[in-house]
C-alpha atoms as a PDB file:
ATOM      1  CA  MET A   1     265.796  28.614  94.114  1.00  0.00           C
ATOM      2  CA  ASN A   2     267.646  26.191  96.376  1.00  0.00           C
ATOM      3  CA  ASP A   3     265.596  24.449  99.018  1.00  0.00           C
ATOM      4  CA  PHE A   4     265.166  21.048 100.643  1.00  0.00           C
ATOM      5  CA  LEU A   5     264.327  18.469  97.979  1.00  0.00           C
ATOM      6  CA  LEU A   6     261.478  15.995  98.115  1.00  0.00           C
ATOM      7  CA  ASP A   7     261.384  12.440  96.810  1.00  0.00           C
ATOM      8  CA  GLN A   8     258.724  10.974  94.490  1.00  0.00           C
ATOM      9  CA  ASP A   9     256.392  10.504  97.477  1.00  0.00           C
ATOM     10  CA  TYR A  10     256.820  14.166  98.544  1.00  0.00           C
ATOM     11  CA  ASP A  11     258.830  13.174 101.624  1.00  0.00           C
ATOM     12  CA  LEU A  12     262.091  14.947 102.452  1.00  0.00           C
ATOM     13  CA  GLN A  13     265.070  13.431 100.639  1.00  0.00           C
ATOM     14  CA  ILE A  14     267.827  12.195 102.928  1.00  0.00           C
ATOM     15  CA  ALA A  15     271.293  11.173 101.765  1.00  0.00           C
ATOM     16  CA  ASN A  16     274.175  10.143 104.001  1.00  0.00           C
ATOM     17  CA  GLY A  17     272.074  10.981 107.054  1.00  0.00           C
ATOM     18  CA  ASP A  18     271.424  14.576 105.987  1.00  0.00           C
ATOM     19  CA  LEU A  19     268.705  16.498 104.164  1.00  0.00           C
ATOM     20  CA  VAL A  20     269.303  17.025 100.442  1.00  0.00           C
ATOM     21  CA  VAL A  21     269.370  20.617  99.175  1.00  0.00           C
ATOM     22  CA  GLY A  22     269.172  21.585  95.507  1.00  0.00           C
ATOM     23  CA  LEU A  23     267.330  23.468  92.775  1.00  0.00           C
ATOM     24  CA  SER A  24     263.679  23.203  93.755  1.00  0.00           C
ATOM     25  CA  ASP A  25     261.730  25.306  91.218  1.00  0.00           C
ATOM     26  CA  ASN A  26     260.117  22.276  89.562  1.00  0.00           C
ATOM     27  CA  GLN A  27     259.035  20.702  92.843  1.00  0.00           C
ATOM     28  CA  HIS A  28     257.584  24.031  94.029  1.00  0.00           C
ATOM     29  CA  GLN A  29     255.593  24.233  90.791  1.00  0.00           C
ATOM     30  CA  ALA A  30     254.344  20.654  91.179  1.00  0.00           C
ATOM     31  CA  CYS A  31     253.293  21.275  94.780  1.00  0.00           C
ATOM     32  CA  LEU A  32     251.419  24.451  93.831  1.00  0.00           C
ATOM     33  CA  LEU A  33     249.686  22.689  90.919  1.00  0.00           C
ATOM     34  CA  LEU A  34     248.544  19.736  93.033  1.00  0.00           C
ATOM     35  CA  ALA A  35     247.601  21.628  96.211  1.00  0.00           C
ATOM     36  CA  GLU A  36     243.957  22.467  96.780  1.00  0.00           C
ATOM     37  CA  LYS A  37     242.919  25.722  98.399  1.00  0.00           C
ATOM     38  CA  GLY A  38     243.204  25.119 102.140  1.00  0.00           C
ATOM     39  CA  SER A  39     246.015  22.553 101.863  1.00  0.00           C
ATOM     40  CA  PHE A  40     248.516  24.909 103.486  1.00  0.00           C
ATOM     41  CA  LYS A  41     247.313  25.961 106.932  1.00  0.00           C
ATOM     42  CA  GLN A  42     249.425  29.127 107.006  1.00  0.00           C
ATOM     43  CA  PHE A  43     248.337  30.125 103.454  1.00  0.00           C
ATOM     44  CA  PRO A  44     244.729  28.885 103.043  1.00  0.00           C
ATOM     45  CA  THR A  45     244.152  30.495  99.635  1.00  0.00           C
ATOM     46  CA  MET A  46     247.324  29.025  98.061  1.00  0.00           C
ATOM     47  CA  GLY A  47     247.106  26.251  95.469  1.00  0.00           C
ATOM     48  CA  VAL A  48     245.842  25.654  91.942  1.00  0.00           C
ATOM     49  CA  GLY A  49     243.896  22.441  92.596  1.00  0.00           C
ATOM     50  CA  LEU A  50     244.744  20.913  89.224  1.00  0.00           C
ATOM     51  CA  THR A  51     242.281  18.038  89.662  1.00  0.00           C
ATOM     52  CA  ASN A  52     239.407  20.554  89.677  1.00  0.00           C
ATOM     53  CA  PHE A  53     240.223  21.423  86.063  1.00  0.00           C
ATOM     54  CA  LEU A  54     240.339  17.872  84.648  1.00  0.00           C
ATOM     55  CA  LYS A  55     236.841  17.999  83.151  1.00  0.00           C
ATOM     56  CA  ASP A  56     237.086  21.651  82.073  1.00  0.00           C
ATOM     57  CA  ASP A  57     236.663  22.047  78.299  1.00  0.00           C
ATOM     58  CA  SER A  58     238.517  25.350  78.149  1.00  0.00           C
ATOM     59  CA  PRO A  59     242.053  25.676  79.512  1.00  0.00           C
ATOM     60  CA  ALA A  60     241.723  29.459  79.990  1.00  0.00           C
ATOM     61  CA  ALA A  61     240.611  29.222  83.637  1.00  0.00           C
ATOM     62  CA  LEU A  62     243.410  26.773  84.460  1.00  0.00           C
ATOM     63  CA  LEU A  63     246.051  28.935  82.790  1.00  0.00           C
ATOM     64  CA  ARG A  64     244.766  32.022  84.592  1.00  0.00           C
ATOM     65  CA  GLU A  65     244.880  30.236  87.979  1.00  0.00           C
ATOM     66  CA  VAL A  66     248.388  28.856  87.355  1.00  0.00           C
ATOM     67  CA  ARG A  67     249.703  32.284  86.355  1.00  0.00           C
ATOM     68  CA  LEU A  68     248.097  33.894  89.428  1.00  0.00           C
ATOM     69  CA  GLU A  69     249.408  31.305  91.909  1.00  0.00           C
ATOM     70  CA  PHE A  70     252.925  31.215  90.466  1.00  0.00           C
ATOM     71  CA  SER A  71     253.152  35.018  90.399  1.00  0.00           C
ATOM     72  CA  THR A  72     251.816  35.265  93.949  1.00  0.00           C
ATOM     73  CA  ASP A  73     254.489  32.773  95.054  1.00  0.00           C
ATOM     74  CA  GLY A  74     257.185  35.026  93.565  1.00  0.00           C
ATOM     75  CA  MET A  75     257.841  33.286  90.259  1.00  0.00           C
ATOM     76  CA  LYS A  76     258.287  35.138  87.008  1.00  0.00           C
ATOM     77  CA  VAL A  77     256.084  33.398  84.423  1.00  0.00           C
ATOM     78  CA  LYS A  78     257.796  33.714  81.042  1.00  0.00           C
ATOM     79  CA  SER A  79     255.358  31.537  79.122  1.00  0.00           C
ATOM     80  CA  LEU A  80     252.397  29.354  79.904  1.00  0.00           C
ATOM     81  CA  GLY A  81     250.176  27.322  77.621  1.00  0.00           C
ATOM     82  CA  MET A  82     248.679  24.015  76.597  1.00  0.00           C
ATOM     83  CA  ASP A  83     250.142  21.749  73.904  1.00  0.00           C
ATOM     84  CA  ASN A  84     248.199  18.602  72.963  1.00  0.00           C
ATOM     85  CA  GLY A  85     246.583  18.520  76.398  1.00  0.00           C
ATOM     86  CA  LYS A  86     249.856  19.017  78.267  1.00  0.00           C
ATOM     87  CA  LEU A  87     250.563  22.026  80.446  1.00  0.00           C
ATOM     88  CA  LYS A  88     253.728  23.836  79.289  1.00  0.00           C
ATOM     89  CA  ILE A  89     255.292  26.119  81.892  1.00  0.00           C
ATOM     90  CA  ASP A  90     258.358  28.338  81.716  1.00  0.00           C
ATOM     91  CA  ALA A  91     258.555  30.018  85.115  1.00  0.00           C
ATOM     92  CA  SER A  92     261.252  30.530  87.719  1.00  0.00           C
ATOM     93  CA  TYR A  93     262.180  32.522  90.780  1.00  0.00           C
ATOM     94  CA  ASP A  94     264.387  35.459  89.775  1.00  0.00           C
END
């Protein structure tokens, strides 16, 4: 999906005095992963709240929440899992 791109501080990217547009799937995923429920005023139930799962011994709840949020946002989740403590995601807007 093409959308406005954000920089590393999650501010809008500006180049040559204009907003930068490009493939934004990865930044949408990052925003959904980091957002807590209630972070988006217009969608108060949106967000995974990744930090809430940091001390969780089982990744099943995290994976379930990621799949639910990504699917609700319109992404097709092809694969999702954990590999050596790292979240592996293959999802995109189709």
